[in-house]
Amino acid sequence: MEHDKEIQELKERLGRVENQLQNRSHSFSLSKFIIGFIVVFVLMLITIGVVQYIASS
């Protein structure tokens, strides 16, 4: 009986840990998207600046 209770507690803890990992994974993917968007935006601004500099020469 005590062994079954321990197994049940371990299953509950495992479920909580899995939920925490899923939440972290979601927030991590969102932060990766935001960082990627900022990098692409900055590269686009640099490219536009270089093209304008070459065109004005």
PDB file of N, CA and C in Angstrom:
ATOM      1  N   MET A   1       0.823  -1.201   0.000  1.00  0.00           N
ATOM      2  CA  MET A   1       0.000   0.000   0.000  1.00  0.00           C
ATOM      3  C   MET A   1       0.868   1.266   0.000  1.00  0.00           C
ATOM      4  N   GLU A   2       1.905   1.243   0.808  1.00  0.00           N
ATOM      5  CA  GLU A   2       2.786   2.410   0.871  1.00  0.00           C
ATOM      6  C   GLU A   2       3.542   2.588  -0.449  1.00  0.00           C
ATOM      7  N   HIS A   3       3.883   1.471  -1.060  1.00  0.00           N
ATOM      8  CA  HIS A   3       4.582   1.512  -2.349  1.00  0.00           C
ATOM      9  C   HIS A   3       3.698   2.151  -3.432  1.00  0.00           C
ATOM     10  N   ASP A   4       2.420   1.830  -3.437  1.00  0.00           N
ATOM     11  CA  ASP A   4       1.491   2.430  -4.402  1.00  0.00           C
ATOM     12  C   ASP A   4       1.364   3.931  -4.181  1.00  0.00           C
ATOM     13  N   LYS A   5       1.381   4.333  -2.920  1.00  0.00           N
ATOM     14  CA  LYS A   5       1.274   5.759  -2.605  1.00  0.00           C
ATOM     15  C   LYS A   5       2.505   6.514  -3.117  1.00  0.00           C
ATOM     16  N   GLU A   6       3.685   5.915  -2.963  1.00  0.00           N
ATOM     17  CA  GLU A   6       4.904   6.541  -3.467  1.00  0.00           C
ATOM     18  C   GLU A   6       4.867   6.664  -4.985  1.00  0.00           C
ATOM     19  N   ILE A   7       4.401   5.638  -5.656  1.00  0.00           N
ATOM     20  CA  ILE A   7       4.300   5.668  -7.117  1.00  0.00           C
ATOM     21  C   ILE A   7       3.351   6.768  -7.561  1.00  0.00           C
ATOM     22  N   GLN A   8       2.230   6.910  -6.868  1.00  0.00           N
ATOM     23  CA  GLN A   8       1.260   7.953  -7.208  1.00  0.00           C
ATOM     24  C   GLN A   8       1.865   9.341  -7.015  1.00  0.00           C
ATOM     25  N   GLU A   9       2.613   9.535  -5.922  1.00  0.00           N
ATOM     26  CA  GLU A   9       3.261  10.830  -5.682  1.00  0.00           C
ATOM     27  C   GLU A   9       4.296  11.127  -6.759  1.00  0.00           C
ATOM     28  N   LEU A  10       5.055  10.108  -7.175  1.00  0.00           N
ATOM     29  CA  LEU A  10       6.038  10.309  -8.237  1.00  0.00           C
ATOM     30  C   LEU A  10       5.368  10.676  -9.555  1.00  0.00           C
ATOM     31  N   LYS A  11       4.238  10.056  -9.846  1.00  0.00           N
ATOM     32  CA  LYS A  11       3.505  10.382 -11.075  1.00  0.00           C
ATOM     33  C   LYS A  11       3.018  11.831 -11.048  1.00  0.00           C
ATOM     34  N   GLU A  12       2.540  12.276  -9.881  1.00  0.00           N
ATOM     35  CA  GLU A  12       2.069  13.661  -9.763  1.00  0.00           C
ATOM     36  C   GLU A  12       3.225  14.642  -9.938  1.00  0.00           C
ATOM     37  N   ARG A  13       4.370  14.328  -9.313  1.00  0.00           N
ATOM     38  CA  ARG A  13       5.536  15.206  -9.456  1.00  0.00           C
ATOM     39  C   ARG A  13       6.010  15.244 -10.896  1.00  0.00           C
ATOM     40  N   LEU A  14       6.015  14.096 -11.553  1.00  0.00           N
ATOM     41  CA  LEU A  14       6.420  14.032 -12.963  1.00  0.00           C
ATOM     42  C   LEU A  14       5.478  14.871 -13.827  1.00  0.00           C
ATOM     43  N   GLY A  15       4.198  14.812 -13.542  1.00  0.00           N
ATOM     44  CA  GLY A  15       3.231  15.624 -14.294  1.00  0.00           C
ATOM     45  C   GLY A  15       3.479  17.109 -14.113  1.00  0.00           C
ATOM     46  N   ARG A  16       3.786  17.522 -12.882  1.00  0.00           N
ATOM     47  CA  ARG A  16       4.069  18.941 -12.633  1.00  0.00           C
ATOM     48  C   ARG A  16       5.332  19.388 -13.362  1.00  0.00           C
ATOM     49  N   VAL A  17       6.369  18.546 -13.328  1.00  0.00           N
ATOM     50  CA  VAL A  17       7.621  18.891 -14.010  1.00  0.00           C
ATOM     51  C   VAL A  17       7.404  18.982 -15.517  1.00  0.00           C
ATOM     52  N   GLU A  18       6.629  18.063 -16.084  1.00  0.00           N
ATOM     53  CA  GLU A  18       6.354  18.117 -17.524  1.00  0.00           C
ATOM     54  C   GLU A  18       5.610  19.393 -17.888  1.00  0.00           C
ATOM     55  N   ASN A  19       4.654  19.799 -17.061  1.00  0.00           N
ATOM     56  CA  ASN A  19       3.926  21.049 -17.334  1.00  0.00           C
ATOM     57  C   ASN A  19       4.861  22.251 -17.291  1.00  0.00           C
ATOM     58  N   GLN A  20       5.778  22.267 -16.318  1.00  0.00           N
ATOM     59  CA  GLN A  20       6.726  23.380 -16.234  1.00  0.00           C
ATOM     60  C   GLN A  20       7.623  23.417 -17.461  1.00  0.00           C
ATOM     61  N   LEU A  21       8.069  22.248 -17.928  1.00  0.00           N
ATOM     62  CA  LEU A  21       8.924  22.211 -19.115  1.00  0.00           C
ATOM     63  C   LEU A  21       8.180  22.684 -20.350  1.00  0.00           C
ATOM     64  N   GLN A  22       6.914  22.333 -20.483  1.00  0.00           N
ATOM     65  CA  GLN A  22       6.131  22.785 -21.633  1.00  0.00           C
ATOM     66  C   GLN A  22       5.969  24.300 -21.600  1.00  0.00           C
ATOM     67  N   ASN A  23       5.738  24.871 -20.418  1.00  0.00           N
ATOM     68  CA  ASN A  23       5.594  26.326 -20.316  1.00  0.00           C
ATOM     69  C   ASN A  23       6.903  27.016 -20.662  1.00  0.00           C
ATOM     70  N   ARG A  24       8.024  26.478 -20.195  1.00  0.00           N
ATOM     71  CA  ARG A  24       9.322  27.068 -20.512  1.00  0.00           C
ATOM     72  C   ARG A  24       9.602  26.978 -22.002  1.00  0.00           C
ATOM     73  N   SER A  25       9.284  25.850 -22.599  1.00  0.00           N
ATOM     74  CA  SER A  25       9.531  25.653 -24.023  1.00  0.00           C
ATOM     75  C   SER A  25       8.750  26.681 -24.836  1.00  0.00           C
ATOM     76  N   HIS A  26       7.514  26.950 -24.448  1.00  0.00           N
ATOM     77  CA  HIS A  26       6.697  27.918 -25.170  1.00  0.00           C
ATOM     78  C   HIS A  26       7.291  29.319 -25.045  1.00  0.00           C
ATOM     79  N   SER A  27       7.690  29.716 -23.839  1.00  0.00           N
ATOM     80  CA  SER A  27       8.242  31.053 -23.655  1.00  0.00           C
ATOM     81  C   SER A  27       9.595  31.175 -24.345  1.00  0.00           C
ATOM     82  N   PHE A  28      10.372  30.077 -24.367  1.00  0.00           N
ATOM     83  CA  PHE A  28      11.665  30.099 -25.039  1.00  0.00           C
ATOM     84  C   PHE A  28      11.493  30.275 -26.541  1.00  0.00           C
ATOM     85  N   SER A  29      10.519  29.600 -27.125  1.00  0.00           N
ATOM     86  CA  SER A  29      10.303  29.739 -28.565  1.00  0.00           C
ATOM     87  C   SER A  29       9.826  31.150 -28.900  1.00  0.00           C
ATOM     88  N   LEU A  30       9.039  31.745 -28.022  1.00  0.00           N
ATOM     89  CA  LEU A  30       8.595  33.119 -28.256  1.00  0.00           C
ATOM     90  C   LEU A  30       9.777  34.075 -28.194  1.00  0.00           C
ATOM     91  N   SER A  31      10.670  33.900 -27.231  1.00  0.00           N
ATOM     92  CA  SER A  31      11.827  34.782 -27.127  1.00  0.00           C
ATOM     93  C   SER A  31      12.770  34.583 -28.317  1.00  0.00           C
ATOM     94  N   LYS A  32      12.909  33.336 -28.799  1.00  0.00           N
ATOM     95  CA  LYS A  32      13.724  33.095 -29.995  1.00  0.00           C
ATOM     96  C   LYS A  32      13.140  33.829 -31.200  1.00  0.00           C
ATOM     97  N   PHE A  33      11.816  33.821 -31.329  1.00  0.00           N
ATOM     98  CA  PHE A  33      11.170  34.507 -32.444  1.00  0.00           C
ATOM     99  C   PHE A  33      11.413  36.006 -32.361  1.00  0.00           C
ATOM    100  N   ILE A  34      11.280  36.577 -31.180  1.00  0.00           N
ATOM    101  CA  ILE A  34      11.462  38.027 -31.012  1.00  0.00           C
ATOM    102  C   ILE A  34      12.906  38.421 -31.322  1.00  0.00           C
ATOM    103  N   ILE A  35      13.869  37.646 -30.816  1.00  0.00           N
ATOM    104  CA  ILE A  35      15.274  37.957 -31.083  1.00  0.00           C
ATOM    105  C   ILE A  35      15.571  37.834 -32.578  1.00  0.00           C
ATOM    106  N   GLY A  36      15.040  36.801 -33.216  1.00  0.00           N
ATOM    107  CA  GLY A  36      15.233  36.635 -34.651  1.00  0.00           C
ATOM    108  C   GLY A  36      14.632  37.782 -35.440  1.00  0.00           C
ATOM    109  N   PHE A  37      13.457  38.234 -35.038  1.00  0.00           N
ATOM    110  CA  PHE A  37      12.810  39.350 -35.719  1.00  0.00           C
ATOM    111  C   PHE A  37      13.652  40.613 -35.601  1.00  0.00           C
ATOM    112  N   ILE A  38      14.190  40.871 -34.412  1.00  0.00           N
ATOM    113  CA  ILE A  38      15.018  42.070 -34.204  1.00  0.00           C
ATOM    114  C   ILE A  38      16.280  41.994 -35.049  1.00  0.00           C
ATOM    115  N   VAL A  39      16.917  40.826 -35.097  1.00  0.00           N
ATOM    116  CA  VAL A  39      18.136  40.668 -35.898  1.00  0.00           C
ATOM    117  C   VAL A  39      17.848  40.918 -37.377  1.00  0.00           C
ATOM    118  N   VAL A  40      16.765  40.341 -37.883  1.00  0.00           N
ATOM    119  CA  VAL A  40      16.408  40.545 -39.295  1.00  0.00           C
ATOM    120  C   VAL A  40      16.108  42.016 -39.559  1.00  0.00           C
ATOM    121  N   PHE A  41      15.422  42.670 -38.645  1.00  0.00           N
ATOM    122  CA  PHE A  41      15.080  44.087 -38.809  1.00  0.00           C
ATOM    123  C   PHE A  41      16.347  44.941 -38.860  1.00  0.00           C
ATOM    124  N   VAL A  42      17.291  44.687 -37.960  1.00  0.00           N
ATOM    125  CA  VAL A  42      18.541  45.461 -37.939  1.00  0.00           C
ATOM    126  C   VAL A  42      19.348  45.209 -39.216  1.00  0.00           C
ATOM    127  N   LEU A  43      19.418  43.956 -39.656  1.00  0.00           N
ATOM    128  CA  LEU A  43      20.141  43.666 -40.905  1.00  0.00           C
ATOM    129  C   LEU A  43      19.496  44.356 -42.100  1.00  0.00           C
ATOM    130  N   MET A  44      18.182  44.423 -42.100  1.00  0.00           N
ATOM    131  CA  MET A  44      17.485  45.105 -43.185  1.00  0.00           C
ATOM    132  C   MET A  44      17.812  46.602 -43.167  1.00  0.00           C
ATOM    133  N   LEU A  45      17.848  47.206 -41.981  1.00  0.00           N
ATOM    134  CA  LEU A  45      18.193  48.630 -41.894  1.00  0.00           C
ATOM    135  C   LEU A  45      19.625  48.878 -42.360  1.00  0.00           C
ATOM    136  N   ILE A  46      20.543  47.994 -41.997  1.00  0.00           N
ATOM    137  CA  ILE A  46      21.940  48.141 -42.432  1.00  0.00           C
ATOM    138  C   ILE A  46      22.028  48.025 -43.945  1.00  0.00           C
ATOM    139  N   THR A  47      21.326  47.082 -44.527  1.00  0.00           N
ATOM    140  CA  THR A  47      21.332  46.901 -45.981  1.00  0.00           C
ATOM    141  C   THR A  47      20.787  48.127 -46.688  1.00  0.00           C
ATOM    142  N   ILE A  48      19.691  48.670 -46.166  1.00  0.00           N
ATOM    143  CA  ILE A  48      19.131  49.884 -46.771  1.00  0.00           C
ATOM    144  C   ILE A  48      20.123  51.037 -46.675  1.00  0.00           C
ATOM    145  N   GLY A  49      20.798  51.167 -45.550  1.00  0.00           N
ATOM    146  CA  GLY A  49      21.797  52.223 -45.383  1.00  0.00           C
ATOM    147  C   GLY A  49      22.948  52.070 -46.356  1.00  0.00           C
ATOM    148  N   VAL A  50      23.439  50.862 -46.549  1.00  0.00           N
ATOM    149  CA  VAL A  50      24.539  50.620 -47.483  1.00  0.00           C
ATOM    150  C   VAL A  50      24.096  50.944 -48.909  1.00  0.00           C
ATOM    151  N   VAL A  51      22.910  50.521 -49.287  1.00  0.00           N
ATOM    152  CA  VAL A  51      22.412  50.795 -50.646  1.00  0.00           C
ATOM    153  C   VAL A  51      22.268  52.292 -50.865  1.00  0.00           C
ATOM    154  N   GLN A  52      21.758  53.028 -49.878  1.00  0.00           N
ATOM    155  CA  GLN A  52      21.623  54.490 -50.027  1.00  0.00           C
ATOM    156  C   GLN A  52      22.982  55.153 -50.109  1.00  0.00           C
ATOM    157  N   TYR A  53      23.945  54.650 -49.335  1.00  0.00           N
ATOM    158  CA  TYR A  53      25.288  55.229 -49.365  1.00  0.00           C
ATOM    159  C   TYR A  53      25.933  55.031 -50.739  1.00  0.00           C
ATOM    160  N   ILE A  54      25.778  53.824 -51.280  1.00  0.00           N
ATOM    161  CA  ILE A  54      26.356  53.546 -52.601  1.00  0.00           C
ATOM    162  C   ILE A  54      25.637  54.370 -53.677  1.00  0.00           C
ATOM    163  N   ALA A  55      24.326  54.499 -53.563  1.00  0.00           N
ATOM    164  CA  ALA A  55      23.560  55.232 -54.578  1.00  0.00           C
ATOM    165  C   ALA A  55      23.893  56.725 -54.545  1.00  0.00           C
ATOM    166  N   SER A  56      24.237  57.283 -53.392  1.00  0.00           N
ATOM    167  CA  SER A  56      24.499  58.719 -53.310  1.00  0.00           C
ATOM    168  C   SER A  56      25.928  59.046 -53.732  1.00  0.00           C
ATOM    169  N   SER A  57      26.801  58.049 -53.865  1.00  0.00           N
ATOM    170  CA  SER A  57      28.211  58.312 -54.219  1.00  0.00           C
ATOM    171  C   SER A  57      28.359  58.733 -55.663  1.00  0.00           C
TER     172      SER A  57
END
